Amino acid sequence: MTYWKVRPYVLTAGRTRTRQPLLVHTLVSVPYYDAVFASGLLPEARSLYEHARRARSVAELSAVCGMTLGVTRVVVDDLAATDRLQIHDDAHSLDFRLLERLRDGLRQLA
């Protein structure tokens, strides 16, 4: 079965680029959660939307949702275009605790 090969293409409609740069440490969050909106999303997008209720980095969302970074970036960008997901300005969102968590997570992977 080639389901695992086709699914990322379906989620991104074949796109690999985003409207705005989304780095691995870019923080995203859901400013207000809408259960009706969430119920209409594909399962992967719904998972990302629900996990972003607490501010998380693109890399964290990718890991917790089990999606590749490329797919995560495109889905985050799509949700942000609907104003359901907020992308935080990188210049003002430097969080050393987040960077430490990222570093620790990368060490665990190594």
N, C-alpha and C. Protein backbone atom coordinates (compact mmCIF):
# COMPACT_ATOMS: atom_id res chain seq x y z
N MET A 1 0.84 -1.18 0.00
CA MET A 1 0.00 0.00 0.00
C MET A 1 0.88 1.24 0.00
N THR A 2 0.53 2.24 -0.78
CA THR A 2 1.34 3.46 -0.89
C THR A 2 0.71 4.63 -0.16
N TYR A 3 -0.17 4.34 0.78
CA TYR A 3 -0.85 5.39 1.54
C TYR A 3 0.13 6.38 2.15
N TRP A 4 1.20 5.88 2.76
CA TRP A 4 2.15 6.76 3.44
C TRP A 4 2.89 7.67 2.47
N LYS A 5 2.96 7.30 1.19
CA LYS A 5 3.63 8.15 0.20
C LYS A 5 2.69 9.22 -0.34
N VAL A 6 1.42 8.93 -0.42
CA VAL A 6 0.46 9.84 -1.01
C VAL A 6 -0.05 10.86 0.01
N ARG A 7 -0.19 10.47 1.25
CA ARG A 7 -0.80 11.33 2.27
C ARG A 7 -0.14 12.70 2.41
N PRO A 8 1.20 12.81 2.48
CA PRO A 8 1.79 14.15 2.58
C PRO A 8 1.44 15.03 1.38
N TYR A 9 1.35 14.45 0.20
CA TYR A 9 0.98 15.21 -0.99
C TYR A 9 -0.45 15.73 -0.86
N VAL A 10 -1.34 14.91 -0.32
CA VAL A 10 -2.73 15.32 -0.13
C VAL A 10 -2.80 16.46 0.88
N LEU A 11 -2.04 16.36 1.97
CA LEU A 11 -2.07 17.39 3.01
C LEU A 11 -1.59 18.74 2.52
N THR A 12 -0.61 18.73 1.62
CA THR A 12 0.01 19.98 1.18
C THR A 12 -0.44 20.40 -0.22
N ALA A 13 -1.27 19.58 -0.86
CA ALA A 13 -1.69 19.82 -2.25
C ALA A 13 -0.47 19.94 -3.16
N GLY A 14 0.58 19.21 -2.80
CA GLY A 14 1.79 19.20 -3.62
C GLY A 14 2.73 20.36 -3.37
N ARG A 15 2.36 21.28 -2.48
CA ARG A 15 3.20 22.44 -2.22
C ARG A 15 4.35 22.10 -1.28
N THR A 16 5.46 22.75 -1.49
CA THR A 16 6.61 22.58 -0.60
C THR A 16 7.05 23.91 -0.02
N ARG A 17 6.49 24.99 -0.51
CA ARG A 17 6.88 26.33 -0.04
C ARG A 17 5.74 26.97 0.75
N THR A 18 6.13 27.86 1.64
CA THR A 18 5.16 28.58 2.46
C THR A 18 5.14 30.05 2.05
N ARG A 19 4.11 30.75 2.45
CA ARG A 19 3.98 32.17 2.13
C ARG A 19 4.99 33.02 2.90
N GLN A 20 5.36 32.53 4.06
CA GLN A 20 6.30 33.25 4.92
C GLN A 20 7.32 32.25 5.46
N PRO A 21 8.51 32.72 5.80
CA PRO A 21 9.52 31.79 6.30
C PRO A 21 9.12 31.21 7.67
N LEU A 22 9.17 29.91 7.78
CA LEU A 22 8.87 29.23 9.05
C LEU A 22 10.10 28.40 9.42
N LEU A 23 10.84 28.89 10.37
CA LEU A 23 12.04 28.19 10.82
C LEU A 23 11.67 27.15 11.87
N VAL A 24 12.59 26.25 12.18
CA VAL A 24 12.28 25.19 13.14
C VAL A 24 11.95 25.76 14.52
N HIS A 25 12.50 26.92 14.84
CA HIS A 25 12.27 27.50 16.17
C HIS A 25 11.13 28.52 16.18
N THR A 26 10.49 28.76 15.04
CA THR A 26 9.38 29.70 14.98
C THR A 26 8.24 29.21 15.87
N LEU A 27 7.77 30.09 16.73
CA LEU A 27 6.68 29.74 17.63
C LEU A 27 5.33 30.01 16.97
N VAL A 28 4.41 29.08 17.18
CA VAL A 28 3.04 29.24 16.70
C VAL A 28 2.09 28.89 17.83
N SER A 29 0.90 29.49 17.78
CA SER A 29 -0.10 29.19 18.81
C SER A 29 -1.49 29.44 18.23
N VAL A 30 -2.48 28.93 18.93
CA VAL A 30 -3.88 29.13 18.57
C VAL A 30 -4.41 30.25 19.47
N PRO A 31 -4.74 31.42 18.89
CA PRO A 31 -5.21 32.53 19.73
C PRO A 31 -6.56 32.24 20.39
N TYR A 32 -7.44 31.54 19.70
CA TYR A 32 -8.72 31.12 20.29
C TYR A 32 -9.08 29.79 19.63
N TYR A 33 -9.39 28.83 20.44
CA TYR A 33 -9.68 27.49 19.94
C TYR A 33 -11.14 27.40 19.49
N ASP A 34 -11.36 26.85 18.32
CA ASP A 34 -12.70 26.70 17.75
C ASP A 34 -12.93 25.21 17.46
N ALA A 35 -13.71 24.55 18.30
CA ALA A 35 -13.95 23.11 18.18
C ALA A 35 -14.67 22.77 16.87
N VAL A 36 -15.55 23.63 16.42
CA VAL A 36 -16.26 23.38 15.16
C VAL A 36 -15.28 23.41 13.99
N PHE A 37 -14.39 24.41 13.99
CA PHE A 37 -13.36 24.49 12.95
C PHE A 37 -12.48 23.25 13.00
N ALA A 38 -12.06 22.85 14.19
CA ALA A 38 -11.18 21.68 14.35
C ALA A 38 -11.84 20.42 13.81
N SER A 39 -13.13 20.27 14.02
CA SER A 39 -13.82 19.05 13.57
C SER A 39 -13.86 18.93 12.05
N GLY A 40 -13.69 20.02 11.33
CA GLY A 40 -13.70 19.99 9.88
C GLY A 40 -12.35 19.79 9.24
N LEU A 41 -11.30 19.70 10.05
CA LEU A 41 -9.95 19.54 9.52
C LEU A 41 -9.60 18.08 9.29
N LEU A 42 -8.65 17.85 8.39
CA LEU A 42 -8.09 16.51 8.23
C LEU A 42 -7.42 16.12 9.55
N PRO A 43 -7.33 14.84 9.85
CA PRO A 43 -6.79 14.42 11.15
C PRO A 43 -5.42 15.01 11.49
N GLU A 44 -4.52 15.09 10.51
CA GLU A 44 -3.18 15.63 10.77
C GLU A 44 -3.24 17.12 11.09
N ALA A 45 -4.03 17.86 10.33
CA ALA A 45 -4.17 19.30 10.59
C ALA A 45 -4.86 19.54 11.92
N ARG A 46 -5.84 18.70 12.25
CA ARG A 46 -6.54 18.82 13.54
C ARG A 46 -5.56 18.59 14.69
N SER A 47 -4.73 17.58 14.56
CA SER A 47 -3.75 17.29 15.60
C SER A 47 -2.80 18.48 15.80
N LEU A 48 -2.33 19.03 14.70
CA LEU A 48 -1.44 20.19 14.78
C LEU A 48 -2.16 21.37 15.42
N TYR A 49 -3.38 21.62 15.01
CA TYR A 49 -4.18 22.73 15.55
C TYR A 49 -4.39 22.56 17.06
N GLU A 50 -4.71 21.35 17.47
CA GLU A 50 -4.96 21.11 18.89
C GLU A 50 -3.69 21.19 19.72
N HIS A 51 -2.58 20.70 19.19
CA HIS A 51 -1.32 20.78 19.94
C HIS A 51 -0.77 22.20 20.02
N ALA A 52 -1.19 23.06 19.10
CA ALA A 52 -0.72 24.45 19.11
C ALA A 52 -1.53 25.33 20.04
N ARG A 53 -2.45 24.73 20.79
CA ARG A 53 -3.21 25.53 21.76
C ARG A 53 -2.26 26.13 22.79
N ARG A 54 -1.16 25.44 23.03
CA ARG A 54 -0.07 25.96 23.85
C ARG A 54 1.03 26.33 22.87
N ALA A 55 1.62 27.50 23.00
CA ALA A 55 2.65 27.94 22.05
C ALA A 55 3.75 26.90 21.93
N ARG A 56 4.04 26.51 20.71
CA ARG A 56 5.08 25.52 20.42
C ARG A 56 5.85 25.94 19.18
N SER A 57 7.04 25.40 19.07
CA SER A 57 7.83 25.66 17.88
C SER A 57 7.37 24.75 16.75
N VAL A 58 7.72 25.12 15.54
CA VAL A 58 7.40 24.29 14.37
C VAL A 58 8.02 22.90 14.54
N ALA A 59 9.23 22.84 15.07
CA ALA A 59 9.90 21.55 15.27
C ALA A 59 9.16 20.69 16.29
N GLU A 60 8.70 21.30 17.38
CA GLU A 60 7.94 20.55 18.38
C GLU A 60 6.65 20.01 17.80
N LEU A 61 5.94 20.84 17.04
CA LEU A 61 4.70 20.39 16.42
C LEU A 61 4.95 19.24 15.46
N SER A 62 6.02 19.35 14.69
CA SER A 62 6.37 18.29 13.77
C SER A 62 6.59 16.98 14.50
N ALA A 63 7.32 17.04 15.60
CA ALA A 63 7.63 15.83 16.36
C ALA A 63 6.40 15.25 17.04
N VAL A 64 5.63 16.08 17.70
CA VAL A 64 4.48 15.59 18.46
C VAL A 64 3.37 15.08 17.54
N CYS A 65 3.28 15.63 16.34
CA CYS A 65 2.23 15.21 15.40
C CYS A 65 2.70 14.11 14.45
N GLY A 66 4.00 13.81 14.49
CA GLY A 66 4.52 12.74 13.64
C GLY A 66 4.55 13.10 12.16
N MET A 67 4.70 14.37 11.85
CA MET A 67 4.77 14.82 10.46
C MET A 67 6.17 15.33 10.17
N THR A 68 6.57 15.28 8.91
CA THR A 68 7.86 15.84 8.53
C THR A 68 7.82 17.36 8.69
N LEU A 69 8.99 17.96 8.80
CA LEU A 69 9.06 19.42 8.94
C LEU A 69 8.44 20.13 7.75
N GLY A 70 8.70 19.63 6.55
CA GLY A 70 8.15 20.27 5.35
C GLY A 70 6.64 20.29 5.35
N VAL A 71 6.02 19.15 5.67
CA VAL A 71 4.56 19.07 5.72
C VAL A 71 4.03 19.95 6.85
N THR A 72 4.69 19.91 8.00
CA THR A 72 4.26 20.73 9.14
C THR A 72 4.27 22.21 8.76
N ARG A 73 5.32 22.65 8.10
CA ARG A 73 5.41 24.06 7.70
C ARG A 73 4.25 24.46 6.80
N VAL A 74 3.94 23.63 5.82
CA VAL A 74 2.86 23.96 4.88
C VAL A 74 1.52 23.97 5.60
N VAL A 75 1.26 23.00 6.46
CA VAL A 75 -0.02 22.95 7.18
C VAL A 75 -0.13 24.14 8.15
N VAL A 76 0.95 24.47 8.84
CA VAL A 76 0.96 25.66 9.72
C VAL A 76 0.65 26.91 8.90
N ASP A 77 1.28 27.03 7.75
CA ASP A 77 1.05 28.19 6.89
C ASP A 77 -0.40 28.26 6.44
N ASP A 78 -0.99 27.12 6.09
CA ASP A 78 -2.39 27.10 5.69
C ASP A 78 -3.31 27.52 6.84
N LEU A 79 -3.05 27.01 8.03
CA LEU A 79 -3.87 27.38 9.19
C LEU A 79 -3.70 28.87 9.53
N ALA A 80 -2.48 29.37 9.37
CA ALA A 80 -2.24 30.79 9.64
C ALA A 80 -2.98 31.66 8.63
N ALA A 81 -3.11 31.19 7.41
CA ALA A 81 -3.82 31.96 6.38
C ALA A 81 -5.31 32.10 6.71
N THR A 82 -5.84 31.20 7.52
CA THR A 82 -7.25 31.28 7.93
C THR A 82 -7.41 32.07 9.22
N ASP A 83 -6.32 32.60 9.73
CA ASP A 83 -6.29 33.35 11.00
C ASP A 83 -6.66 32.47 12.20
N ARG A 84 -6.51 31.16 12.07
CA ARG A 84 -6.80 30.25 13.18
C ARG A 84 -5.54 29.90 13.96
N LEU A 85 -4.40 30.21 13.38
CA LEU A 85 -3.11 29.92 14.00
C LEU A 85 -2.27 31.18 13.90
N GLN A 86 -1.64 31.55 14.97
CA GLN A 86 -0.81 32.75 14.99
C GLN A 86 0.66 32.36 14.91
N ILE A 87 1.37 32.99 13.99
CA ILE A 87 2.80 32.79 13.87
C ILE A 87 3.46 33.97 14.58
N HIS A 88 4.27 33.66 15.58
CA HIS A 88 4.89 34.71 16.39
C HIS A 88 6.17 35.22 15.73
N ASP A 89 6.38 36.49 15.85
CA ASP A 89 7.57 37.13 15.30
C ASP A 89 8.80 36.57 15.98
N ASP A 90 9.74 36.07 15.18
CA ASP A 90 10.95 35.47 15.73
C ASP A 90 11.80 36.45 16.53
N ALA A 91 11.79 37.70 16.16
CA ALA A 91 12.64 38.68 16.83
C ALA A 91 12.25 38.89 18.28
N HIS A 92 10.97 38.68 18.60
CA HIS A 92 10.49 38.94 19.95
C HIS A 92 10.18 37.67 20.72
N SER A 93 10.43 36.52 20.12
CA SER A 93 10.00 35.28 20.77
C SER A 93 11.17 34.41 21.21
N LEU A 94 12.33 35.00 21.42
CA LEU A 94 13.47 34.21 21.85
C LEU A 94 13.23 33.72 23.28
N ASP A 95 13.03 32.45 23.41
CA ASP A 95 12.72 31.82 24.68
C ASP A 95 13.82 30.80 24.98
N PHE A 96 14.67 31.11 25.93
CA PHE A 96 15.79 30.24 26.23
C PHE A 96 15.35 28.88 26.74
N ARG A 97 14.21 28.83 27.42
CA ARG A 97 13.70 27.52 27.87
C ARG A 97 13.33 26.65 26.68
N LEU A 98 12.75 27.26 25.66
CA LEU A 98 12.41 26.52 24.45
C LEU A 98 13.68 26.02 23.77
N LEU A 99 14.68 26.89 23.66
CA LEU A 99 15.93 26.48 23.04
C LEU A 99 16.59 25.35 23.82
N GLU A 100 16.52 25.39 25.13
CA GLU A 100 17.07 24.31 25.94
C GLU A 100 16.31 23.01 25.71
N ARG A 101 14.99 23.08 25.59
CA ARG A 101 14.19 21.89 25.31
C ARG A 101 14.52 21.31 23.94
N LEU A 102 14.71 22.20 22.96
CA LEU A 102 15.10 21.75 21.63
C LEU A 102 16.46 21.06 21.67
N ARG A 103 17.40 21.69 22.37
CA ARG A 103 18.74 21.11 22.49
C ARG A 103 18.66 19.73 23.15
N ASP A 104 17.92 19.63 24.25
CA ASP A 104 17.80 18.36 24.96
C ASP A 104 17.12 17.30 24.09
N GLY A 105 16.11 17.71 23.33
CA GLY A 105 15.44 16.77 22.44
C GLY A 105 16.36 16.27 21.34
N LEU A 106 17.19 17.16 20.80
CA LEU A 106 18.14 16.75 19.78
C LEU A 106 19.20 15.81 20.36
N ARG A 107 19.61 16.06 21.57
CA ARG A 107 20.58 15.16 22.22
C ARG A 107 20.00 13.76 22.41
N GLN A 108 18.71 13.69 22.74
CA GLN A 108 18.06 12.39 22.91
C GLN A 108 17.98 11.64 21.59
N LEU A 109 17.84 12.36 20.50
CA LEU A 109 17.78 11.72 19.18
C LEU A 109 19.13 11.20 18.73
N ALA A 110 20.19 11.86 19.19
CA ALA A 110 21.56 11.48 18.74
C ALA A 110 22.03 10.21 19.37
